PDB file of N, CA and C in Angstrom:
ATOM      1  N   UNK A   1     159.787 104.681 138.075  1.00  0.00           N
ATOM      2  CA  UNK A   1     158.766 103.813 138.019  1.00  0.00           C
ATOM      3  C   UNK A   1     158.878 102.200 137.469  1.00  0.00           C
ATOM      4  N   UNK A   2     158.736 102.674 136.040  1.00  0.00           N
ATOM      5  CA  UNK A   2     159.094 101.516 135.371  1.00  0.00           C
ATOM      6  C   UNK A   2     160.036 100.809 134.967  1.00  0.00           C
ATOM      7  N   UNK A   3     161.227 101.282 135.694  1.00  0.00           N
ATOM      8  CA  UNK A   3     162.539 100.131 135.758  1.00  0.00           C
ATOM      9  C   UNK A   3     162.455  99.610 137.307  1.00  0.00           C
ATOM     10  N   UNK A   4     161.942  99.966 138.192  1.00  0.00           N
ATOM     11  CA  UNK A   4     161.787  99.186 139.155  1.00  0.00           C
ATOM     12  C   UNK A   4     160.688  97.889 138.875  1.00  0.00           C
ATOM     13  N   UNK A   5     159.809  97.986 138.127  1.00  0.00           N
ATOM     14  CA  UNK A   5     158.671  96.844 137.695  1.00  0.00           C
ATOM     15  C   UNK A   5     159.952  95.809 137.064  1.00  0.00           C
ATOM     16  N   UNK A   6     160.531  96.482 136.020  1.00  0.00           N
ATOM     17  CA  UNK A   6     161.039  95.343 134.804  1.00  0.00           C
ATOM     18  C   UNK A   6     162.050  94.947 135.596  1.00  0.00           C
ATOM     19  N   UNK A   7     162.890  95.329 136.793  1.00  0.00           N
ATOM     20  CA  UNK A   7     163.680  94.531 137.901  1.00  0.00           C
ATOM     21  C   UNK A   7     163.267  93.735 138.526  1.00  0.00           C
ATOM     22  N   UNK A   8     161.832  93.819 138.927  1.00  0.00           N
ATOM     23  CA  UNK A   8     161.285  92.994 139.491  1.00  0.00           C
ATOM     24  C   UNK A   8     160.919  91.564 138.739  1.00  0.00           C
ATOM     25  N   UNK A   9     160.258  92.021 137.662  1.00  0.00           N
ATOM     26  CA  UNK A   9     160.170  90.540 136.447  1.00  0.00           C
ATOM     27  C   UNK A   9     161.421  90.116 136.533  1.00  0.00           C
ATOM     28  N   UNK A  10     162.412  90.874 136.310  1.00  0.00           N
ATOM     29  CA  UNK A  10     163.468  90.454 135.579  1.00  0.00           C
ATOM     30  C   UNK A  10     164.212  89.568 136.729  1.00  0.00           C
ATOM     31  N   UNK A  11     164.235  89.555 138.024  1.00  0.00           N
ATOM     32  CA  UNK A  11     164.587  88.819 139.347  1.00  0.00           C
ATOM     33  C   UNK A  11     163.500  87.536 139.487  1.00  0.00           C
ATOM     34  N   UNK A  12     162.117  88.133 139.404  1.00  0.00           N
ATOM     35  CA  UNK A  12     161.283  86.566 138.970  1.00  0.00           C
ATOM     36  C   UNK A  12     161.480  85.154 137.991  1.00  0.00           C
ATOM     37  N   UNK A  13     161.850  86.171 136.743  1.00  0.00           N
ATOM     38  CA  UNK A  13     162.672  85.009 135.727  1.00  0.00           C
ATOM     39  C   UNK A  13     163.688  84.218 135.889  1.00  0.00           C
ATOM     40  N   UNK A  14     165.053  84.728 136.515  1.00  0.00           N
ATOM     41  CA  UNK A  14     165.840  84.906 137.137  1.00  0.00           C
ATOM     42  C   UNK A  14     165.333  83.577 138.001  1.00  0.00           C
ATOM     43  N   UNK A  15     164.889  83.554 139.345  1.00  0.00           N
ATOM     44  CA  UNK A  15     164.140  82.853 139.996  1.00  0.00           C
ATOM     45  C   UNK A  15     163.401  81.460 139.606  1.00  0.00           C
ATOM     46  N   UNK A  16     162.295  81.531 138.303  1.00  0.00           N
ATOM     47  CA  UNK A  16     162.295  80.533 137.758  1.00  0.00           C
ATOM     48  C   UNK A  16     162.938  79.447 137.177  1.00  0.00           C
ATOM     49  N   UNK A  17     164.032  80.716 136.461  1.00  0.00           N
ATOM     50  CA  UNK A  17     165.272  79.564 135.685  1.00  0.00           C
ATOM     51  C   UNK A  17     165.505  78.824 136.561  1.00  0.00           C
ATOM     52  N   UNK A  18     166.348  79.369 137.780  1.00  0.00           N
ATOM     53  CA  UNK A  18     166.913  78.543 138.587  1.00  0.00           C
ATOM     54  C   UNK A  18     166.358  77.445 138.819  1.00  0.00           C
ATOM     55  N   UNK A  19     165.459  77.587 139.767  1.00  0.00           N
ATOM     56  CA  UNK A  19     163.844  76.653 139.926  1.00  0.00           C
ATOM     57  C   UNK A  19     164.231  75.609 138.913  1.00  0.00           C
ATOM     58  N   UNK A  20     163.945  76.134 138.039  1.00  0.00           N
ATOM     59  CA  UNK A  20     164.197  74.954 136.460  1.00  0.00           C
ATOM     60  C   UNK A  20     165.121  74.092 136.469  1.00  0.00           C
ATOM     61  N   UNK A  21     166.327  74.987 136.624  1.00  0.00           N
ATOM     62  CA  UNK A  21     167.339  74.227 136.425  1.00  0.00           C
ATOM     63  C   UNK A  21     167.986  73.309 137.487  1.00  0.00           C
ATOM     64  N   UNK A  22     167.692  73.605 138.600  1.00  0.00           N
ATOM     65  CA  UNK A  22     167.724  72.727 139.957  1.00  0.00           C
ATOM     66  C   UNK A  22     167.216  71.165 139.582  1.00  0.00           C
ATOM     67  N   UNK A  23     165.687  71.578 139.083  1.00  0.00           N
ATOM     68  CA  UNK A  23     164.907  70.556 139.334  1.00  0.00           C
ATOM     69  C   UNK A  23     165.615  69.524 138.089  1.00  0.00           C
ATOM     70  N   UNK A  24     165.941  70.241 136.897  1.00  0.00           N
ATOM     71  CA  UNK A  24     166.702  69.230 136.167  1.00  0.00           C
ATOM     72  C   UNK A  24     167.690  68.296 136.227  1.00  0.00           C
ATOM     73  N   UNK A  25     168.516  69.352 136.781  1.00  0.00           N
ATOM     74  CA  UNK A  25     169.903  68.373 137.622  1.00  0.00           C
ATOM     75  C   UNK A  25     169.371  67.337 138.694  1.00  0.00           C
ATOM     76  N   UNK A  26     168.510  67.924 139.231  1.00  0.00           N
ATOM     77  CA  UNK A  26     168.168  66.912 140.222  1.00  0.00           C
ATOM     78  C   UNK A  26     167.291  65.684 139.798  1.00  0.00           C
ATOM     79  N   UNK A  27     166.634  65.569 138.450  1.00  0.00           N
ATOM     80  CA  UNK A  27     166.315  64.757 137.960  1.00  0.00           C
ATOM     81  C   UNK A  27     167.188  64.287 137.230  1.00  0.00           C
ATOM     82  N   UNK A  28     167.940  64.710 136.698  1.00  0.00           N
ATOM     83  CA  UNK A  28     169.145  63.721 135.638  1.00  0.00           C
ATOM     84  C   UNK A  28     169.986  62.654 137.011  1.00  0.00           C
ATOM     85  N   UNK A  29     170.256  63.187 137.782  1.00  0.00           N
ATOM     86  CA  UNK A  29     170.484  63.093 139.019  1.00  0.00           C
ATOM     87  C   UNK A  29     170.076  61.224 139.460  1.00  0.00           C
ATOM     88  N   UNK A  30     168.732  61.440 140.308  1.00  0.00           N
ATOM     89  CA  UNK A  30     168.405  60.249 140.197  1.00  0.00           C
ATOM     90  C   UNK A  30     168.048  59.836 138.896  1.00  0.00           C
ATOM     91  N   UNK A  31     167.612  59.877 137.869  1.00  0.00           N
ATOM     92  CA  UNK A  31     167.817  59.048 136.893  1.00  0.00           C
ATOM     93  C   UNK A  31     169.197  58.216 136.922  1.00  0.00           C
ATOM     94  N   UNK A  32     169.787  59.237 136.671  1.00  0.00           N
ATOM     95  CA  UNK A  32     171.474  58.196 136.733  1.00  0.00           C
ATOM     96  C   UNK A  32     171.576  57.295 138.091  1.00  0.00           C
ATOM     97  N   UNK A  33     171.666  57.770 139.202  1.00  0.00           N
ATOM     98  CA  UNK A  33     171.728  56.920 140.170  1.00  0.00           C
ATOM     99  C   UNK A  33     170.751  55.553 140.241  1.00  0.00           C
ATOM    100  N   UNK A  34     169.986  55.347 139.461  1.00  0.00           N
ATOM    101  CA  UNK A  34     168.882  54.481 139.284  1.00  0.00           C
ATOM    102  C   UNK A  34     169.444  53.143 138.112  1.00  0.00           C
ATOM    103  N   UNK A  35     170.114  54.152 137.103  1.00  0.00           N
ATOM    104  CA  UNK A  35     171.177  53.225 136.680  1.00  0.00           C
ATOM    105  C   UNK A  35     172.003  52.446 137.456  1.00  0.00           C
ATOM    106  N   UNK A  36     173.290  53.367 137.704  1.00  0.00           N
ATOM    107  CA  UNK A  36     174.137  53.217 138.357  1.00  0.00           C
ATOM    108  C   UNK A  36     174.353  53.643 139.963  1.00  0.00           C
ATOM    109  N   UNK A  37     173.431  52.096 140.706  1.00  0.00           N
ATOM    110  CA  UNK A  37     173.284  52.472 142.231  1.00  0.00           C
ATOM    111  C   UNK A  37     174.872  52.839 142.228  1.00  0.00           C
ATOM    112  N   UNK A  38     175.823  52.061 141.945  1.00  0.00           N
ATOM    113  CA  UNK A  38     177.262  51.999 142.747  1.00  0.00           C
ATOM    114  C   UNK A  38     178.117  53.370 142.600  1.00  0.00           C
ATOM    115  N   UNK A  39     177.176  54.038 141.726  1.00  0.00           N
ATOM    116  CA  UNK A  39     178.282  55.188 141.554  1.00  0.00           C
ATOM    117  C   UNK A  39     177.491  56.765 142.579  1.00  0.00           C
ATOM    118  N   UNK A  40     176.256  56.357 143.401  1.00  0.00           N
ATOM    119  CA  UNK A  40     175.280  57.062 143.574  1.00  0.00           C
ATOM    120  C   UNK A  40     176.291  58.270 144.461  1.00  0.00           C
ATOM    121  N   UNK A  41     176.848  58.120 145.481  1.00  0.00           N
ATOM    122  CA  UNK A  41     178.032  58.667 145.751  1.00  0.00           C
ATOM    123  C   UNK A  41     178.731  59.468 145.094  1.00  0.00           C
ATOM    124  N   UNK A  42     179.242  59.407 144.005  1.00  0.00           N
ATOM    125  CA  UNK A  42     180.001  60.807 143.279  1.00  0.00           C
ATOM    126  C   UNK A  42     178.849  61.231 142.455  1.00  0.00           C
ATOM    127  N   UNK A  43     177.588  60.812 142.001  1.00  0.00           N
ATOM    128  CA  UNK A  43     177.122  61.164 141.440  1.00  0.00           C
ATOM    129  C   UNK A  43     176.054  62.511 142.276  1.00  0.00           C
ATOM    130  N   UNK A  44     175.949  61.904 143.430  1.00  0.00           N
ATOM    131  CA  UNK A  44     175.225  63.320 144.292  1.00  0.00           C
ATOM    132  C   UNK A  44     176.247  63.979 144.684  1.00  0.00           C
ATOM    133  N   UNK A  45     177.551  64.166 144.822  1.00  0.00           N
ATOM    134  CA  UNK A  45     178.135  64.989 144.889  1.00  0.00           C
ATOM    135  C   UNK A  45     178.852  66.150 144.010  1.00  0.00           C
ATOM    136  N   UNK A  46     178.613  65.492 142.694  1.00  0.00           N
ATOM    137  CA  UNK A  46     178.224  65.969 141.718  1.00  0.00           C
ATOM    138  C   UNK A  46     177.102  66.890 141.240  1.00  0.00           C
ATOM    139  N   UNK A  47     176.285  66.196 141.960  1.00  0.00           N
ATOM    140  CA  UNK A  47     174.782  67.479 141.316  1.00  0.00           C
ATOM    141  C   UNK A  47     174.518  68.231 142.761  1.00  0.00           C
ATOM    142  N   UNK A  48     175.122  67.553 143.897  1.00  0.00           N
ATOM    143  CA  UNK A  48     175.148  69.167 144.455  1.00  0.00           C
ATOM    144  C   UNK A  48     175.736  70.257 144.634  1.00  0.00           C
ATOM    145  N   UNK A  49     177.093  70.139 143.869  1.00  0.00           N
ATOM    146  CA  UNK A  49     178.225  71.286 143.146  1.00  0.00           C
ATOM    147  C   UNK A  49     177.595  72.032 142.197  1.00  0.00           C
ATOM    148  N   UNK A  50     177.028  71.148 141.095  1.00  0.00           N
ATOM    149  CA  UNK A  50     175.887  71.766 140.223  1.00  0.00           C
ATOM    150  C   UNK A  50     175.151  72.617 140.153  1.00  0.00           C
ATOM    151  N   UNK A  51     173.918  72.140 141.485  1.00  0.00           N
ATOM    152  CA  UNK A  51     173.257  73.283 141.680  1.00  0.00           C
ATOM    153  C   UNK A  51     173.776  74.333 142.543  1.00  0.00           C
ATOM    154  N   UNK A  52     174.631  74.457 143.441  1.00  0.00           N
ATOM    155  CA  UNK A  52     175.019  75.350 144.353  1.00  0.00           C
ATOM    156  C   UNK A  52     175.616  76.218 143.359  1.00  0.00           C
ATOM    157  N   UNK A  53     176.272  75.738 141.899  1.00  0.00           N
ATOM    158  CA  UNK A  53     176.705  76.776 140.992  1.00  0.00           C
ATOM    159  C   UNK A  53     175.666  77.416 140.703  1.00  0.00           C
ATOM    160  N   UNK A  54     174.491  76.674 140.244  1.00  0.00           N
ATOM    161  CA  UNK A  54     173.418  77.157 139.509  1.00  0.00           C
ATOM    162  C   UNK A  54     172.865  78.388 140.669  1.00  0.00           C
ATOM    163  N   UNK A  55     172.786  78.051 142.084  1.00  0.00           N
ATOM    164  CA  UNK A  55     172.009  78.881 142.322  1.00  0.00           C
ATOM    165  C   UNK A  55     172.850  80.242 142.720  1.00  0.00           C
ATOM    166  N   UNK A  56     174.221  79.852 142.743  1.00  0.00           N
ATOM    167  CA  UNK A  56     175.013  80.914 142.975  1.00  0.00           C
ATOM    168  C   UNK A  56     175.216  82.147 141.452  1.00  0.00           C
ATOM    169  N   UNK A  57     175.014  81.170 140.500  1.00  0.00           N
ATOM    170  CA  UNK A  57     174.706  82.362 139.331  1.00  0.00           C
ATOM    171  C   UNK A  57     173.388  83.448 139.372  1.00  0.00           C
ATOM    172  N   UNK A  58     172.254  82.329 139.589  1.00  0.00           N
ATOM    173  CA  UNK A  58     171.005  82.946 139.754  1.00  0.00           C
ATOM    174  C   UNK A  58     170.967  84.373 140.816  1.00  0.00           C
ATOM    175  N   UNK A  59     171.989  83.719 141.984  1.00  0.00           N
ATOM    176  CA  UNK A  59     171.626  84.928 143.041  1.00  0.00           C
ATOM    177  C   UNK A  59     172.510  86.116 142.710  1.00  0.00           C
ATOM    178  N   UNK A  60     173.649  85.884 141.820  1.00  0.00           N
ATOM    179  CA  UNK A  60     174.016  87.091 141.085  1.00  0.00           C
ATOM    180  C   UNK A  60     173.174  87.713 139.562  1.00  0.00           C
ATOM    181  N   UNK A  61     172.785  87.334 139.278  1.00  0.00           N
ATOM    182  CA  UNK A  61     171.891  87.324 138.497  1.00  0.00           C
ATOM    183  C   UNK A  61     170.517  88.526 138.631  1.00  0.00           C
ATOM    184  N   UNK A  62     170.100  87.909 140.051  1.00  0.00           N
ATOM    185  CA  UNK A  62     168.658  88.538 140.942  1.00  0.00           C
ATOM    186  C   UNK A  62     170.148  89.966 141.562  1.00  0.00           C
ATOM    187  N   UNK A  63     170.558  89.836 142.127  1.00  0.00           N
ATOM    188  CA  UNK A  63     170.708  91.193 142.800  1.00  0.00           C
ATOM    189  C   UNK A  63     171.437  92.363 141.356  1.00  0.00           C
ATOM    190  N   UNK A  64     171.803  91.967 140.027  1.00  0.00           N
ATOM    191  CA  UNK A  64     172.202  92.659 139.152  1.00  0.00           C
ATOM    192  C   UNK A  64     171.009  93.250 138.877  1.00  0.00           C
ATOM    193  N   UNK A  65     169.597  92.281 138.900  1.00  0.00           N
ATOM    194  CA  UNK A  65     168.202  92.973 138.185  1.00  0.00           C
ATOM    195  C   UNK A  65     168.046  94.161 139.451  1.00  0.00           C
ATOM    196  N   UNK A  66     168.345  93.655 140.827  1.00  0.00           N
ATOM    197  CA  UNK A  66     168.193  94.855 141.451  1.00  0.00           C
ATOM    198  C   UNK A  66     168.341  95.881 141.499  1.00  0.00           C
ATOM    199  N   UNK A  67     169.862  95.642 141.122  1.00  0.00           N
ATOM    200  CA  UNK A  67     170.602  96.915 141.550  1.00  0.00           C
ATOM    201  C   UNK A  67     170.512  98.003 140.331  1.00  0.00           C
ATOM    202  N   UNK A  68     169.788  97.258 138.849  1.00  0.00           N
ATOM    203  CA  UNK A  68     169.409  97.707 137.541  1.00  0.00           C
ATOM    204  C   UNK A  68     168.185  99.171 137.485  1.00  0.00           C
ATOM    205  N   UNK A  69     167.992  99.068 138.706  1.00  0.00           N
ATOM    206  CA  UNK A  69     166.621 100.017 139.049  1.00  0.00           C
ATOM    207  C   UNK A  69     167.180 101.238 139.426  1.00  0.00           C
TER     208      UNK A  69
END
């Protein structure tokens, strides 16, 4: 019983961490685009790649948490 609860807490923490990470990436990208508008296209592509990597890592961690129960 306890291991299922711990897995749920772990999955929730992974979700919070991924949300914070993607939020920081997005905020930094918007700040960079505001400083250098001519680089907006490259910054946006890089931001999307990083956000996808963070999301993939979060999904992998959530699966590990849920399989661990």
